[in-house]
Amino acid sequence: MLTLEKSANVKAMGLYFHPAVINSVFSFENIREELSGEFRFTDMQDQYWLQVFTDRGPQRNGLFSLAPITTNRIKHQMVLIDQELDEQRG
C-alpha cells in the first residue's frame, strides 16, 4: 500500500487492464497462481514475465524506481493511449 507523506502538487497516472489482454487464458484469479499444468508452455512464459508486477513479498512491494527519461517515455505513451481511447470511433 502506498502512503503519501505530503500531498502538495502530487500527480499520478495509471493504466489498468484485464490480464487476458496479455494472454487469453489469464484471469484475475489464475495470474498469481503457481506456474501450473493448466497453462501451456507459452502461457507459463507470459506468466513468468508478469511476475515482476504480480509477486509481492518482503523484497517485492510493487514499486519501481525509474530514471527520468524512462518515466517521461512511459508518460508520453500513456498520453498517446489516452488520446487514442478518447478519439476512437467505435
N, C-alpha and C. Protein backbone atom coordinates (compact mmCIF):
# COMPACT_ATOMS: atom_id res chain seq x y z
N MET A 1 0.84 -1.18 0.00
CA MET A 1 0.00 0.00 0.00
C MET A 1 0.88 1.24 0.00
N LEU A 2 0.51 2.22 -0.78
CA LEU A 2 1.26 3.45 -0.90
C LEU A 2 0.65 4.50 0.02
N THR A 3 1.49 5.15 0.82
CA THR A 3 1.02 6.21 1.71
C THR A 3 1.79 7.48 1.39
N LEU A 4 1.06 8.57 1.14
CA LEU A 4 1.69 9.85 0.85
C LEU A 4 2.01 10.59 2.14
N GLU A 5 3.23 11.10 2.24
CA GLU A 5 3.61 11.88 3.40
C GLU A 5 3.21 13.34 3.23
N LYS A 6 3.27 13.83 2.00
CA LYS A 6 2.85 15.18 1.67
C LYS A 6 2.06 15.10 0.38
N SER A 7 1.06 15.96 0.23
CA SER A 7 0.22 15.85 -0.96
C SER A 7 0.27 17.08 -1.85
N ALA A 8 1.17 18.00 -1.62
CA ALA A 8 1.25 19.20 -2.44
C ALA A 8 1.75 18.85 -3.84
N ASN A 9 1.00 19.26 -4.86
CA ASN A 9 1.38 19.08 -6.26
C ASN A 9 1.61 17.63 -6.67
N VAL A 10 0.88 16.72 -6.09
CA VAL A 10 1.02 15.31 -6.45
C VAL A 10 0.14 15.02 -7.67
N LYS A 11 0.74 14.38 -8.68
CA LYS A 11 0.01 13.96 -9.86
C LYS A 11 0.31 12.50 -10.10
N ALA A 12 -0.66 11.80 -10.64
CA ALA A 12 -0.46 10.38 -10.91
C ALA A 12 -1.21 10.00 -12.18
N MET A 13 -0.68 8.99 -12.85
CA MET A 13 -1.34 8.38 -14.00
C MET A 13 -1.32 6.88 -13.76
N GLY A 14 -2.35 6.22 -14.24
CA GLY A 14 -2.39 4.77 -14.07
C GLY A 14 -2.96 4.12 -15.30
N LEU A 15 -2.57 2.90 -15.52
CA LEU A 15 -3.08 2.09 -16.61
C LEU A 15 -3.47 0.75 -16.02
N TYR A 16 -4.71 0.38 -16.19
CA TYR A 16 -5.26 -0.83 -15.61
C TYR A 16 -5.94 -1.63 -16.71
N PHE A 17 -5.70 -2.91 -16.78
CA PHE A 17 -6.32 -3.72 -17.82
C PHE A 17 -6.50 -5.15 -17.32
N HIS A 18 -7.39 -5.88 -17.97
CA HIS A 18 -7.64 -7.27 -17.62
C HIS A 18 -6.44 -8.11 -18.07
N PRO A 19 -6.03 -9.10 -17.27
CA PRO A 19 -4.88 -9.93 -17.65
C PRO A 19 -5.04 -10.65 -18.98
N ALA A 20 -6.26 -10.88 -19.43
CA ALA A 20 -6.48 -11.56 -20.71
C ALA A 20 -5.98 -10.73 -21.88
N VAL A 21 -5.71 -9.44 -21.67
CA VAL A 21 -5.13 -8.61 -22.72
C VAL A 21 -3.73 -9.12 -23.07
N ILE A 22 -3.02 -9.62 -22.07
CA ILE A 22 -1.67 -10.16 -22.27
C ILE A 22 -1.75 -11.56 -22.87
N ASN A 23 -2.65 -12.38 -22.31
CA ASN A 23 -2.79 -13.77 -22.76
C ASN A 23 -4.24 -14.18 -22.46
N SER A 24 -4.92 -14.73 -23.43
CA SER A 24 -6.36 -15.00 -23.30
C SER A 24 -6.69 -16.01 -22.21
N VAL A 25 -5.74 -16.81 -21.75
CA VAL A 25 -6.04 -17.77 -20.68
C VAL A 25 -5.92 -17.15 -19.29
N PHE A 26 -5.40 -15.95 -19.19
CA PHE A 26 -5.21 -15.32 -17.88
C PHE A 26 -6.50 -14.71 -17.36
N SER A 27 -6.66 -14.81 -16.03
CA SER A 27 -7.76 -14.16 -15.33
C SER A 27 -7.19 -13.53 -14.07
N PHE A 28 -8.01 -12.76 -13.37
CA PHE A 28 -7.55 -12.18 -12.12
C PHE A 28 -7.27 -13.28 -11.09
N GLU A 29 -7.97 -14.40 -11.21
CA GLU A 29 -7.79 -15.50 -10.26
C GLU A 29 -6.51 -16.28 -10.52
N ASN A 30 -6.20 -16.59 -11.79
CA ASN A 30 -5.08 -17.50 -12.05
C ASN A 30 -3.74 -16.82 -12.33
N ILE A 31 -3.72 -15.54 -12.52
CA ILE A 31 -2.48 -14.86 -12.91
C ILE A 31 -1.41 -14.91 -11.81
N ARG A 32 -1.85 -15.02 -10.55
CA ARG A 32 -0.90 -15.03 -9.43
C ARG A 32 -0.62 -16.43 -8.89
N GLU A 33 -1.23 -17.45 -9.49
CA GLU A 33 -1.03 -18.81 -9.01
C GLU A 33 0.34 -19.33 -9.43
N GLU A 34 0.74 -20.39 -8.77
CA GLU A 34 1.99 -21.06 -9.16
C GLU A 34 1.90 -21.46 -10.63
N LEU A 35 3.03 -21.47 -11.30
CA LEU A 35 3.05 -21.97 -12.68
C LEU A 35 2.53 -23.40 -12.65
N SER A 36 1.47 -23.65 -13.39
CA SER A 36 0.80 -24.95 -13.23
C SER A 36 0.55 -25.63 -14.57
N GLY A 37 0.05 -26.86 -14.48
CA GLY A 37 -0.23 -27.66 -15.65
C GLY A 37 -1.39 -27.14 -16.48
N GLU A 38 -2.20 -26.24 -15.92
CA GLU A 38 -3.32 -25.71 -16.71
C GLU A 38 -2.83 -24.79 -17.82
N PHE A 39 -1.60 -24.31 -17.72
CA PHE A 39 -1.03 -23.42 -18.73
C PHE A 39 -0.15 -24.21 -19.68
N ARG A 40 -0.20 -23.83 -20.95
CA ARG A 40 0.77 -24.36 -21.91
C ARG A 40 2.11 -23.69 -21.65
N PHE A 41 3.14 -24.17 -22.31
CA PHE A 41 4.49 -23.62 -22.09
C PHE A 41 4.54 -22.12 -22.38
N THR A 42 3.94 -21.70 -23.49
CA THR A 42 3.99 -20.27 -23.83
C THR A 42 3.19 -19.44 -22.83
N ASP A 43 2.12 -20.01 -22.27
CA ASP A 43 1.35 -19.32 -21.22
C ASP A 43 2.23 -19.11 -19.99
N MET A 44 2.98 -20.15 -19.64
CA MET A 44 3.87 -20.06 -18.48
C MET A 44 4.97 -19.03 -18.71
N GLN A 45 5.46 -18.92 -19.95
CA GLN A 45 6.45 -17.88 -20.26
C GLN A 45 5.85 -16.49 -20.05
N ASP A 46 4.64 -16.28 -20.53
CA ASP A 46 3.98 -14.98 -20.34
C ASP A 46 3.79 -14.69 -18.86
N GLN A 47 3.36 -15.70 -18.11
CA GLN A 47 3.14 -15.51 -16.68
C GLN A 47 4.46 -15.19 -15.98
N TYR A 48 5.54 -15.85 -16.37
CA TYR A 48 6.86 -15.59 -15.77
C TYR A 48 7.25 -14.12 -15.94
N TRP A 49 7.05 -13.56 -17.13
CA TRP A 49 7.45 -12.17 -17.38
C TRP A 49 6.56 -11.17 -16.65
N LEU A 50 5.40 -11.60 -16.24
CA LEU A 50 4.50 -10.71 -15.48
C LEU A 50 4.75 -10.76 -13.97
N GLN A 51 5.58 -11.68 -13.52
CA GLN A 51 5.81 -11.84 -12.08
C GLN A 51 6.32 -10.57 -11.40
N VAL A 52 7.06 -9.76 -12.10
CA VAL A 52 7.56 -8.53 -11.51
C VAL A 52 6.39 -7.61 -11.11
N PHE A 53 5.25 -7.78 -11.77
CA PHE A 53 4.06 -6.98 -11.46
C PHE A 53 3.12 -7.67 -10.49
N THR A 54 3.17 -9.01 -10.40
CA THR A 54 2.19 -9.74 -9.61
C THR A 54 2.72 -10.27 -8.28
N ASP A 55 4.00 -10.53 -8.18
CA ASP A 55 4.56 -11.08 -6.94
C ASP A 55 4.70 -9.99 -5.88
N ARG A 56 4.36 -10.34 -4.66
CA ARG A 56 4.54 -9.43 -3.53
C ARG A 56 5.22 -10.18 -2.40
N GLY A 57 6.05 -9.50 -1.67
CA GLY A 57 6.76 -10.10 -0.54
C GLY A 57 7.71 -9.08 0.04
N PRO A 58 8.56 -9.51 0.95
CA PRO A 58 9.48 -8.58 1.60
C PRO A 58 10.39 -7.83 0.62
N GLN A 59 10.78 -8.49 -0.47
CA GLN A 59 11.67 -7.86 -1.43
C GLN A 59 10.94 -7.25 -2.62
N ARG A 60 9.64 -7.52 -2.75
CA ARG A 60 8.87 -7.02 -3.90
C ARG A 60 7.59 -6.36 -3.40
N ASN A 61 7.55 -5.04 -3.46
CA ASN A 61 6.37 -4.32 -2.99
C ASN A 61 5.56 -3.70 -4.12
N GLY A 62 5.98 -3.92 -5.35
CA GLY A 62 5.23 -3.40 -6.49
C GLY A 62 5.63 -2.00 -6.93
N LEU A 63 6.59 -1.40 -6.25
CA LEU A 63 7.06 -0.06 -6.62
C LEU A 63 8.34 -0.17 -7.43
N PHE A 64 8.46 0.69 -8.44
CA PHE A 64 9.62 0.67 -9.31
C PHE A 64 10.30 2.03 -9.29
N SER A 65 11.60 2.03 -9.25
CA SER A 65 12.36 3.28 -9.40
C SER A 65 12.78 3.38 -10.86
N LEU A 66 12.38 4.46 -11.49
CA LEU A 66 12.68 4.64 -12.91
C LEU A 66 13.50 5.90 -13.11
N ALA A 67 14.36 5.85 -14.10
CA ALA A 67 15.13 7.04 -14.48
C ALA A 67 14.16 8.05 -15.09
N PRO A 68 14.47 9.34 -14.97
CA PRO A 68 13.59 10.38 -15.52
C PRO A 68 13.28 10.18 -17.00
N ILE A 69 14.25 9.78 -17.80
CA ILE A 69 13.99 9.59 -19.24
C ILE A 69 12.99 8.46 -19.47
N THR A 70 13.08 7.40 -18.67
CA THR A 70 12.14 6.29 -18.78
C THR A 70 10.75 6.73 -18.33
N THR A 71 10.70 7.47 -17.24
CA THR A 71 9.42 7.99 -16.75
C THR A 71 8.75 8.87 -17.80
N ASN A 72 9.51 9.73 -18.44
CA ASN A 72 8.95 10.61 -19.48
C ASN A 72 8.45 9.81 -20.68
N ARG A 73 9.17 8.76 -21.05
CA ARG A 73 8.76 7.92 -22.18
C ARG A 73 7.45 7.20 -21.86
N ILE A 74 7.35 6.64 -20.66
CA ILE A 74 6.12 5.96 -20.24
C ILE A 74 4.96 6.95 -20.19
N LYS A 75 5.21 8.13 -19.65
CA LYS A 75 4.16 9.16 -19.58
C LYS A 75 3.68 9.51 -20.98
N HIS A 76 4.60 9.68 -21.91
CA HIS A 76 4.24 10.01 -23.29
C HIS A 76 3.38 8.90 -23.90
N GLN A 77 3.75 7.65 -23.67
CA GLN A 77 2.99 6.53 -24.20
C GLN A 77 1.58 6.48 -23.59
N MET A 78 1.48 6.78 -22.30
CA MET A 78 0.18 6.79 -21.65
C MET A 78 -0.71 7.92 -22.16
N VAL A 79 -0.13 9.06 -22.46
CA VAL A 79 -0.88 10.16 -23.06
C VAL A 79 -1.40 9.74 -24.43
N LEU A 80 -0.56 9.07 -25.21
CA LEU A 80 -1.00 8.59 -26.53
C LEU A 80 -2.14 7.57 -26.40
N ILE A 81 -2.05 6.68 -25.43
CA ILE A 81 -3.12 5.71 -25.21
C ILE A 81 -4.41 6.43 -24.84
N ASP A 82 -4.31 7.42 -23.96
CA ASP A 82 -5.48 8.20 -23.54
C ASP A 82 -6.11 8.92 -24.74
N GLN A 83 -5.28 9.52 -25.58
CA GLN A 83 -5.79 10.19 -26.77
C GLN A 83 -6.48 9.20 -27.71
N GLU A 84 -5.88 8.05 -27.89
CA GLU A 84 -6.47 7.04 -28.76
C GLU A 84 -7.83 6.57 -28.23
N LEU A 85 -7.91 6.37 -26.93
CA LEU A 85 -9.17 5.94 -26.32
C LEU A 85 -10.25 7.02 -26.46
N ASP A 86 -9.86 8.29 -26.32
CA ASP A 86 -10.81 9.39 -26.46
C ASP A 86 -11.28 9.57 -27.90
N GLU A 87 -10.40 9.33 -28.85
CA GLU A 87 -10.71 9.62 -30.26
C GLU A 87 -11.21 8.44 -31.04
N GLN A 88 -11.18 7.24 -30.48
CA GLN A 88 -11.61 6.07 -31.26
C GLN A 88 -13.08 6.19 -31.64
N ARG A 89 -13.41 5.68 -32.78
CA ARG A 89 -14.75 5.87 -33.33
C ARG A 89 -15.74 4.77 -33.00
N GLY A 90 -15.29 3.66 -32.48
CA GLY A 90 -16.23 2.56 -32.29
C GLY A 90 -16.21 1.91 -30.96
